[in-house]
Protein backbone atom coordinates (compact mmCIF):
# COMPACT_ATOMS: atom_id res chain seq x y z
CA MET A 1 0.04 0.12 -0.27
CA SER A 2 1.36 3.42 -0.67
CA PRO A 3 2.02 5.89 1.95
CA ASP A 4 -1.01 8.13 0.48
CA SER A 5 -3.38 5.34 0.40
CA PHE A 6 -2.06 4.24 3.88
CA SER A 7 -3.27 8.04 5.03
CA LEU A 8 -6.11 8.38 3.33
CA LYS A 9 -7.31 5.04 5.49
CA THR A 10 -6.06 5.79 8.46
CA GLU A 11 -7.56 9.18 8.38
CA ARG A 12 -9.91 7.81 10.36
CA ILE A 13 -8.37 6.64 13.22
CA VAL A 14 -7.09 10.24 13.58
CA GLN A 15 -11.01 11.74 13.91
CA GLY A 16 -11.53 8.62 16.36
CA ILE A 17 -8.81 9.88 18.69
CA LYS A 18 -9.19 13.93 18.11
CA ASN A 19 -10.63 13.75 21.25
CA VAL A 20 -7.81 11.94 23.10
CA GLY A 21 -5.94 13.92 25.32
CA GLY A 22 -2.43 14.17 23.82
CA VAL A 23 0.18 16.81 24.95
CA SER A 24 0.75 20.44 24.79
CA VAL A 25 4.01 21.72 23.07
CA GLY A 26 3.75 25.35 22.30
CA GLY A 27 0.06 26.18 23.43
CA THR A 28 -0.89 23.07 20.57
CA LYS A 29 -2.33 19.95 21.43
CA ILE A 30 -1.01 17.02 19.64
CA ASN A 31 -2.43 13.43 20.18
CA ASN A 32 -0.78 12.17 16.39
CA LEU A 33 2.21 12.18 14.39
CA ARG A 34 1.72 10.75 10.77
CA TYR A 35 4.25 9.93 8.30
CA ALA A 36 4.30 8.23 5.56
CA ASP A 37 3.14 4.72 6.97
CA ASP A 38 4.18 5.54 10.32
CA THR A 39 1.34 6.70 13.25
CA ALA A 40 2.48 8.10 16.52
CA ILE A 41 -0.53 8.61 19.01
CA SER A 42 0.26 10.17 22.68
CA ARG A 43 -1.82 10.79 25.84
CA ALA A 44 -0.74 12.66 28.95
CA GLY A 45 -2.16 12.27 32.68
CA ASN A 46 -1.27 12.81 36.20
CA ASP A 47 -2.75 9.42 37.08
CA LEU A 48 -0.33 7.08 35.30
CA PRO A 49 -2.46 3.69 35.95
CA LYS A 50 -5.17 5.39 34.76
CA THR A 51 -3.44 6.81 31.74
CA LEU A 52 -1.85 3.75 30.79
CA ASP A 53 -5.51 1.78 30.87
CA ARG A 54 -5.91 4.95 28.37
CA ILE A 55 -2.86 4.27 25.90
CA GLU A 56 -4.30 0.49 26.23
CA LYS A 57 -7.87 0.74 24.76
CA ASP A 58 -6.51 3.76 21.84
CA ALA A 59 -4.14 0.63 20.41
CA GLU A 60 -6.75 -1.79 21.27
CA ALA A 61 -9.15 0.36 19.00
CA ILE A 62 -6.42 1.25 16.22
CA LEU A 63 -5.83 -2.42 15.77
CA ARG A 64 -9.40 -3.61 15.76
CA PHE A 65 -9.18 -0.92 12.98
CA MET A 66 -6.36 -2.09 11.15
CA ALA A 67 -7.99 -5.47 11.26
CA SER A 68 -11.46 -4.73 9.82
CA ASN A 69 -9.71 -2.97 7.44
CA ALA A 70 -6.89 -4.96 6.11
CA VAL A 71 -3.91 -3.54 7.23
CA LYS A 72 -1.40 -4.86 8.89
CA ALA A 73 0.57 -3.67 12.06
CA ASN A 74 4.27 -4.46 11.81
CA PRO A 75 5.29 -5.90 15.72
CA GLU A 76 8.73 -5.51 14.65
CA LYS A 77 7.95 -1.55 14.60
CA THR A 78 5.00 -1.33 17.08
CA LEU A 79 6.13 -0.21 20.66
CA ASN A 80 4.64 1.56 23.60
CA LEU A 81 6.77 4.32 24.66
CA GLN A 82 6.21 6.14 28.22
CA THR A 83 7.68 8.89 29.98
CA THR A 84 7.22 10.44 33.27
CA MET A 85 7.36 13.96 34.59
């Protein structure tokens, strides 16, 4: 699948996570970053267990979307990065 096709197909994912918390960078809320066939989502929160639960639910929703649209995640390129402040 071409990067353009992938972006068009995954736009529905982005629409579905628009209400996700994200992080604030320079006053702008960012909850996803996409380039070609790479997508990153972000969440921030003060309650670590609750935030991790939301991240897991976001990931599950994305994987369900991908499976129902014949898009596969590459486990070797898939990761969950967690940071705390």
